[in-house]
Amino acid sequence: MIDTAHIPSHVVLTGAAGALGRAVAQHFLAQGARLALLDHHADKLAQTFPGLDNSQHLLIACDVTSTASMHDAATQVLTSFQKVDTLVHIAGGFEMGAQVHALERASWDRMMNLNAWSFVAVTQSFVPSMIEQKGGSVIAVTAATAARGQAAMSAYIASKSALQRLVEAMAAELAPQGVRVNSIAPTVMDTPANRQAMPDANPDGWVSTTMAAQTIAFLASPGAAALHGRHLLLD
């Protein structure tokens, strides 16, 4: 039997319409949580979660790289929910790139905006309410590759490494306020997009979205109360 006292009752997910977002949403829905599902496109949200836009749950189209857009989204969520127990920041992006000496500024900016700045924009809209209630959990999705540079992936890896440093800094800042900040750091996620992008690869060793969702749920649970600024490697 599920211990409902330990279930985060109000959960916000960014990147909710993606493969991992869907898995995380389904996991928390099965536990009876109330969800605010955020993604860039309203039609994609509606197609992914038909019938879920109701008085209990919210589907919100927003831009995670825009502080103004995130402020509007947070206002809508907090007006309806009154509080947020768990914020899961899944939204991000990946692209291969040129060698470092030939890297274009546009590629650098895309990765930094999607993977690093978005964490700032999203959290600055929701964290103040967590500080006020003296509790909550913030969970980001970083990457195992953030630990070391690789050829033709410099902008992506730099942005995910920056995200990990932001997670660590925020964890140190918010721990005294009762707010936990951590991340999961998967290797390759087993998603339709990755299977299409790497048709010759063997996905048997990839990380399933179900397992990643379960790890995110653990980080949101009281069982992870002693974890601050950690990146749980999934491989």
Foldseek 3Di string as FASTA:
>chain_A
DDDLVFQFQEEEEEPLLFPLNVLLVVVSVVSNHQYEYEYQDQVSQCVSDPPNPDLRHHYYHFDLLDLVRLLVSLVVRCVSPVAGAEYEYEWADFDFAAFPVPGDPVLLVRRQSGQPSSVVSNCVNHVVRCLVVLAHEYEYEAAPLLVDDDGRRVSNSPNSVNNLVVQQVVLVVCVVSHYAGEYEHEYAEPGPVVCVVCVPDDCPQGHYSNVVSVVSSCRSGPVVSVDHSYYHYHD
